[in-house]
Protein backbone atom coordinates (compact mmCIF):
# COMPACT_ATOMS: atom_id res chain seq x y z
CA UNK A 1 8.91 -26.26 -7.28
CA UNK A 2 11.12 -24.50 -4.70
CA UNK A 3 10.48 -24.81 -0.98
CA UNK A 4 9.65 -21.75 1.13
CA UNK A 5 9.72 -21.99 4.92
CA UNK A 6 6.59 -20.06 5.85
CA UNK A 7 7.14 -20.55 9.58
CA UNK A 8 10.61 -19.05 9.34
CA UNK A 9 9.26 -16.19 7.18
CA UNK A 10 6.90 -15.21 10.02
CA UNK A 11 9.45 -15.95 12.75
CA UNK A 12 7.20 -18.46 14.53
CA UNK A 13 7.43 -22.09 15.59
CA UNK A 14 5.54 -24.99 14.07
CA UNK A 15 3.35 -25.10 17.21
CA UNK A 16 2.21 -21.46 16.78
CA UNK A 17 -1.45 -20.70 17.42
CA UNK A 18 -3.66 -18.72 15.04
CA UNK A 19 -3.24 -15.67 17.32
CA UNK A 20 0.55 -16.10 17.14
CA UNK A 21 0.35 -16.20 13.33
CA UNK A 22 -1.80 -13.05 13.16
CA UNK A 23 0.43 -11.10 15.59
CA UNK A 24 3.59 -12.06 13.71
CA UNK A 25 2.06 -11.09 10.38
CA UNK A 26 0.83 -7.70 11.59
CA UNK A 27 4.26 -6.85 13.01
CA UNK A 28 6.23 -7.92 9.93
CA UNK A 29 3.74 -6.50 7.41
CA UNK A 30 4.07 -3.09 9.06
CA UNK A 31 7.87 -3.40 9.07
CA UNK A 32 8.28 -4.43 5.43
CA UNK A 33 5.30 -2.80 3.69
CA UNK A 34 6.61 -1.14 0.49
CA UNK A 35 5.15 2.23 1.55
CA UNK A 36 7.05 2.18 4.85
CA UNK A 37 10.16 0.04 4.55
CA UNK A 38 13.53 1.49 3.53
CA UNK A 39 14.91 -2.03 3.09
CA UNK A 40 15.90 -2.61 -0.54
CA UNK A 41 14.45 -6.12 -0.28
CA UNK A 42 11.41 -4.98 1.69
CA UNK A 43 8.91 -5.55 -1.13
CA UNK A 44 10.15 -9.11 -1.74
CA UNK A 45 10.08 -9.89 1.99
CA UNK A 46 6.56 -8.45 2.26
CA UNK A 47 5.39 -10.73 -0.57
CA UNK A 48 6.72 -13.86 1.17
CA UNK A 49 5.24 -12.76 4.51
CA UNK A 50 1.83 -12.32 2.86
CA UNK A 51 2.10 -15.75 1.19
CA UNK A 52 3.01 -17.36 4.51
CA UNK A 53 0.13 -15.70 6.33
CA UNK A 54 -2.48 -16.67 3.71
CA UNK A 55 -1.38 -20.30 3.94
CA UNK A 56 -0.87 -20.74 7.67
CA UNK A 57 -4.01 -18.88 8.82
CA UNK A 58 -6.18 -21.42 6.94
CA UNK A 59 -6.32 -24.69 8.95
CA UNK A 60 -6.78 -26.88 5.86
CA UNK A 61 -3.99 -25.18 3.92
CA UNK A 62 -1.71 -25.31 6.96
CA UNK A 63 -2.32 -29.04 7.31
CA UNK A 64 -1.49 -29.54 3.64
CA UNK A 65 1.63 -27.37 3.94
CA UNK A 66 2.86 -29.24 7.02
CA UNK A 67 2.49 -32.54 5.19
CA UNK A 68 4.84 -31.35 2.45
CA UNK A 69 7.64 -31.99 4.93
CA UNK A 70 10.56 -29.75 5.81
CA UNK A 71 13.24 -28.84 3.28
CA UNK A 72 16.07 -26.30 3.06
CA UNK A 73 14.90 -22.86 1.93
CA UNK A 74 14.91 -22.61 -1.87
CA UNK A 75 15.46 -26.33 -2.46
CA UNK A 76 13.67 -27.91 -5.42
CA UNK A 77 11.20 -30.57 -4.27
CA UNK A 78 8.00 -32.39 -5.21
CA UNK A 79 5.22 -33.31 -2.80
CA UNK A 80 5.26 -36.97 -1.75
CA UNK A 81 2.81 -39.34 -3.51
CA UNK A 82 0.61 -39.53 -0.40
CA UNK A 83 0.23 -35.74 -0.49
CA UNK A 84 -0.83 -35.83 -4.15
CA UNK A 85 -3.46 -38.45 -3.42
CA UNK A 86 -4.89 -36.53 -0.45
CA UNK A 87 -4.63 -32.93 -1.60
CA UNK A 88 -3.80 -32.86 -5.31
CA UNK A 89 -5.40 -35.70 -7.16
CA UNK A 90 -3.87 -37.98 -9.77
CA UNK A 91 -4.09 -35.36 -12.55
CA UNK A 92 -2.47 -32.49 -10.64
CA UNK A 93 0.73 -31.18 -12.26
CA UNK A 94 3.48 -29.36 -10.35
CA UNK A 95 5.32 -28.13 -13.43
CA UNK A 96 5.69 -24.38 -13.95
CA UNK A 97 4.09 -23.49 -10.61
CA UNK A 98 5.53 -22.20 -7.34
CA UNK A 99 4.44 -22.76 -3.76
CA UNK A 100 2.37 -19.58 -3.62
CA UNK A 101 0.47 -20.57 -6.79
CA UNK A 102 -0.09 -24.05 -5.39
CA UNK A 103 -1.86 -22.80 -2.28
CA UNK A 104 -3.68 -20.01 -4.14
CA UNK A 105 -5.28 -22.72 -6.29
CA UNK A 106 -5.68 -25.17 -3.40
CA UNK A 107 -9.33 -24.41 -2.55
CA UNK A 108 -10.51 -24.54 -6.14
CA UNK A 109 -8.75 -27.84 -6.75
CA UNK A 110 -10.16 -29.36 -3.56
CA UNK A 111 -13.64 -28.39 -4.70
CA UNK A 112 -13.06 -29.99 -8.09
CA UNK A 113 -11.58 -33.26 -6.83
CA UNK A 114 -14.28 -33.57 -4.16
CA UNK A 115 -17.02 -33.69 -6.79
CA UNK A 116 -16.20 -37.30 -7.77
CA UNK A 117 -16.53 -36.43 -11.45
CA UNK A 118 -19.74 -34.38 -11.33
CA UNK A 119 -19.76 -31.63 -13.93
CA UNK A 120 -20.82 -28.97 -11.44
CA UNK A 121 -19.64 -25.41 -12.32
CA UNK A 122 -16.84 -24.19 -10.07
CA UNK A 123 -16.17 -20.42 -9.84
CA UNK A 124 -12.65 -19.14 -10.44
CA UNK A 125 -10.40 -17.81 -7.70
CA UNK A 126 -10.42 -14.16 -6.64
CA UNK A 127 -7.04 -12.40 -6.66
CA UNK A 128 -5.62 -9.18 -5.27
CA UNK A 129 -2.96 -7.06 -6.99
CA UNK A 130 -1.28 -3.91 -5.69
CA UNK A 131 -1.02 -1.00 -8.14
CA UNK A 132 0.90 2.20 -7.46
CA UNK A 133 -0.39 5.44 -8.98
CA UNK A 134 0.67 9.06 -8.66
CA UNK A 135 -1.36 11.82 -7.03
CA UNK A 136 -1.81 13.43 -10.45
CA UNK A 137 -3.28 10.17 -11.77
CA UNK A 138 -5.61 9.92 -8.78
CA UNK A 139 -6.65 13.54 -9.32
CA UNK A 140 -7.67 13.17 -12.97
CA UNK A 141 -8.21 9.39 -13.29
CA UNK A 142 -5.99 7.19 -15.41
CA UNK A 143 -5.61 3.99 -17.41
CA UNK A 144 -2.95 1.57 -16.12
CA UNK A 145 -1.38 -1.58 -17.52
CA UNK A 146 -1.64 -4.67 -15.33
CA UNK A 147 0.49 -7.78 -15.73
CA UNK A 148 0.57 -10.66 -13.23
CA UNK A 149 0.57 -14.45 -13.16
CA UNK A 150 -2.19 -16.64 -11.72
CA UNK A 151 -2.56 -20.42 -11.40
CA UNK A 152 -5.25 -21.79 -13.70
CA UNK A 153 -6.42 -25.28 -14.69
CA UNK A 154 -5.89 -26.51 -18.24
CA UNK A 155 -8.42 -28.64 -20.14
CA UNK A 156 -7.39 -31.70 -18.08
CA UNK A 157 -7.59 -29.83 -14.78
CA UNK A 158 -3.82 -29.59 -14.27
CA UNK A 159 -2.67 -26.32 -12.70
CA UNK A 160 -0.12 -24.07 -14.37
CA UNK A 161 0.83 -20.39 -14.25
CA UNK A 162 -0.83 -18.07 -16.75
CA UNK A 163 0.21 -14.48 -17.40
CA UNK A 164 -2.68 -12.00 -17.28
CA UNK A 165 -2.21 -8.67 -19.07
CA UNK A 166 -4.86 -6.01 -19.57
CA UNK A 167 -5.65 -2.34 -18.99
CA UNK A 168 -7.66 -1.10 -16.01
CA UNK A 169 -9.34 2.28 -15.70
CA UNK A 170 -8.83 4.10 -12.39
CA UNK A 171 -11.63 6.65 -11.89
CA UNK A 172 -11.29 10.09 -10.33
CA UNK A 173 -12.04 10.11 -6.64
CA UNK A 174 -10.08 7.06 -5.45
CA UNK A 175 -8.19 7.17 -2.15
CA UNK A 176 -4.90 5.73 -0.94
CA UNK A 177 -5.42 2.11 0.13
CA UNK A 178 -8.77 1.75 -1.65
CA UNK A 179 -9.68 -1.55 -3.30
CA UNK A 180 -11.37 -1.65 -6.69
CA UNK A 181 -13.22 -4.78 -7.82
CA UNK A 182 -12.68 -5.80 -11.43
CA UNK A 183 -15.40 -8.36 -12.07
CA UNK A 184 -14.39 -11.46 -14.01
CA UNK A 185 -10.68 -10.56 -14.16
CA UNK A 186 -9.57 -13.20 -11.63
CA UNK A 187 -9.01 -16.92 -12.11
CA UNK A 188 -10.85 -18.83 -14.84
CA UNK A 189 -13.87 -20.86 -13.75
CA UNK A 190 -14.13 -24.62 -14.26
CA UNK A 191 -16.92 -26.40 -16.13
CA UNK A 192 -18.72 -23.18 -16.99
CA UNK A 193 -18.29 -21.58 -13.57
CA UNK A 194 -17.98 -17.81 -13.51
CA UNK A 195 -14.53 -16.28 -13.55
CA UNK A 196 -13.20 -14.94 -10.29
CA UNK A 197 -12.75 -11.24 -9.55
CA UNK A 198 -9.58 -9.19 -9.33
CA UNK A 199 -9.29 -6.76 -6.44
CA UNK A 200 -6.98 -3.86 -7.22
CA UNK A 201 -5.30 -2.45 -4.09
CA UNK A 202 -4.38 1.16 -4.87
CA UNK A 203 -1.29 2.72 -3.29
CA UNK A 204 -0.31 6.35 -3.90
CA UNK A 205 3.33 7.02 -4.65
CA UNK A 206 4.92 9.55 -2.25
CA UNK A 207 4.76 13.11 -3.56
CA UNK A 208 7.51 15.70 -3.26
CA UNK A 209 5.14 18.36 -1.85
CA UNK A 210 1.86 16.88 -0.65
CA UNK A 211 0.87 14.50 2.13
CA UNK A 212 -2.45 12.70 1.79
CA UNK A 213 -5.17 11.99 4.33
CA UNK A 214 -8.33 10.66 2.72
CA UNK A 215 -9.29 13.27 0.13
CA UNK A 216 -7.42 16.09 1.90
CA UNK A 217 -3.90 17.22 1.04
CA UNK A 218 -1.32 18.82 3.32
CA UNK A 219 1.39 21.20 2.09
CA UNK A 220 4.27 22.78 4.04
CA UNK A 221 4.59 26.52 3.23
CA UNK A 222 7.98 28.13 4.00
CA UNK A 223 7.67 31.84 4.89
CA UNK A 224 10.36 34.46 5.38
CA UNK A 225 10.15 36.33 8.73
CA UNK A 226 8.96 39.54 7.09
CA UNK A 227 6.21 37.69 5.17
CA UNK A 228 4.93 36.18 8.41
CA UNK A 229 5.09 39.53 10.29
CA UNK A 230 3.74 41.86 7.62
CA UNK A 231 1.49 39.44 5.73
CA UNK A 232 1.82 38.48 2.09
CA UNK A 233 0.03 37.02 -0.91
CA UNK A 234 1.66 33.78 -2.03
CA UNK A 235 1.19 31.60 -5.13
CA UNK A 236 0.39 28.09 -3.87
CA UNK A 237 0.74 24.98 -6.10
CA UNK A 238 -2.27 22.66 -6.23
CA UNK A 239 -3.04 19.60 -8.35
CA UNK A 240 -5.48 21.75 -10.32
CA UNK A 241 -3.12 24.69 -10.88
CA UNK A 242 -1.73 27.59 -8.86
CA UNK A 243 -3.93 29.64 -6.51
CA UNK A 244 -3.16 32.86 -4.63
CA UNK A 245 -3.27 32.58 -0.85
CA UNK A 246 -3.37 35.59 1.47
CA UNK A 247 -1.14 35.23 4.52
CA UNK A 248 -2.49 37.34 7.42
CA UNK A 249 -0.05 39.67 9.18
CA UNK A 250 1.34 38.17 12.37
CA UNK A 251 1.17 34.56 11.19
CA UNK A 252 3.18 32.23 13.41
CA UNK A 253 5.06 29.10 12.41
CA UNK A 254 2.83 26.05 12.71
CA UNK A 255 -0.37 27.84 11.77
CA UNK A 256 -2.67 25.89 9.45
CA UNK A 257 -4.52 27.62 6.62
CA UNK A 258 -7.33 25.94 4.66
CA UNK A 259 -7.80 26.21 0.91
CA UNK A 260 -11.28 24.82 0.30
CA UNK A 261 -11.94 22.18 -2.39
CA UNK A 262 -8.31 22.04 -3.58
CA UNK A 263 -7.65 18.49 -2.40
CA UNK A 264 -8.47 15.26 -4.20
CA UNK A 265 -11.84 14.92 -5.97
CA UNK A 266 -14.56 12.67 -4.60
CA UNK A 267 -16.82 10.42 -6.62
CA UNK A 268 -19.76 12.06 -4.84
CA UNK A 269 -19.77 15.53 -3.28
CA UNK A 270 -17.26 18.36 -3.06
CA UNK A 271 -13.52 17.68 -3.36
CA UNK A 272 -11.32 17.48 -0.31
CA UNK A 273 -9.40 20.49 0.99
CA UNK A 274 -5.78 21.60 0.85
CA UNK A 275 -4.31 22.44 4.26
CA UNK A 276 -1.26 24.72 4.22
CA UNK A 277 1.08 24.46 7.23
CA UNK A 278 3.22 27.55 7.81
CA UNK A 279 6.93 27.03 8.45
CA UNK A 280 9.02 30.06 9.36
CA UNK A 281 12.39 29.97 7.57
CA UNK A 282 15.27 32.32 8.37
CA UNK A 283 18.06 33.17 5.93
CA UNK A 284 21.26 31.20 6.59
CA UNK A 285 23.51 33.93 5.15
CA UNK A 286 23.01 37.69 5.50
CA UNK A 287 24.82 40.54 3.79
CA UNK A 288 25.95 43.56 5.80
CA UNK A 289 22.83 45.60 5.02
CA UNK A 290 20.54 42.76 6.13
CA UNK A 291 22.53 42.28 9.31
CA UNK A 292 22.21 45.99 10.10
CA UNK A 293 18.45 45.92 9.59
CA UNK A 294 18.04 42.92 11.89
CA UNK A 295 20.23 44.56 14.57
CA UNK A 296 18.12 47.71 14.29
CA UNK A 297 14.95 45.63 14.71
CA UNK A 298 16.41 43.79 17.72
CA UNK A 299 17.40 47.02 19.38
CA UNK A 300 14.07 48.76 18.87
CA UNK A 301 11.59 45.89 19.34
CA UNK A 302 9.74 45.25 22.63
CA UNK A 303 8.55 41.83 21.51
CA UNK A 304 9.51 39.03 23.92
CA UNK A 305 8.68 35.51 22.66
CA UNK A 306 9.81 34.00 26.02
CA UNK A 307 7.80 36.15 28.37
CA UNK A 308 6.19 33.03 29.83
CA UNK A 309 9.63 31.92 31.06
CA UNK A 310 9.87 34.85 33.45
CA UNK A 311 8.16 33.27 36.49
CA UNK A 312 10.22 30.07 36.32
CA UNK A 313 13.47 32.00 35.86
CA UNK A 314 12.69 34.14 38.92
CA UNK A 315 12.48 31.12 41.26
């Protein structure tokens, strides 16, 4: 088993309070969350930060972690015999398990060893797994493959890592950040105890066109100057197919237009909306005829977009 310095991972001292631990976690989780971080190792760092927080925020787990002693980061080690007697039990095996698995299974094992041999059913551990899906998959629903490892007891109660692989159905109407409960898909129960649950944390992959807020979608719409001035009818892409949107004459950049019920579906009620944000785009290169037309417009137009500057400029 390789040592991980959870205090160093959170950037805190060994005398840190629970508030210090929570503040450090919130700051680092925001910095390295896979949806935000541009760091190539951000996802791996986020995983270690989450492991550290889950262990150190629990007083009993923190006490057990502290009693493992201090070792160089990544060094192979085994808990001292006194630690096994207090926290593991004589039949606890540390083969094929890492530090995160050890503390994920810690509560279940403490329950089992505290029974003094009674055959009382012990429920399995609950687990949480992050799954990324596309907007198209969220729109229509999908079936995803899940594969992850969990610590489980064998017939003699020794903990070891077990690979879980199965398919999970994602229904229409889910939102970014939503958690789905998959009953009985967590850790295996002991002595007839019910299996734990798996909580699936859904994260939408970034889309090239749309931004998501709840069930609503936001789309930037580039318009040429003449389309904004004269009005136009534009084909707009949506997750359910193209729709025609009428652009009123005199539309300014930054205006927001609503296309009802063209966002993400809901499990109950009408779908969300698609909000189109107008962005005025000017041509970077003009031919001689286009330049002449724009000069003619400039010479003949009385429109002054900076009229409100006049009073300040006069002082």
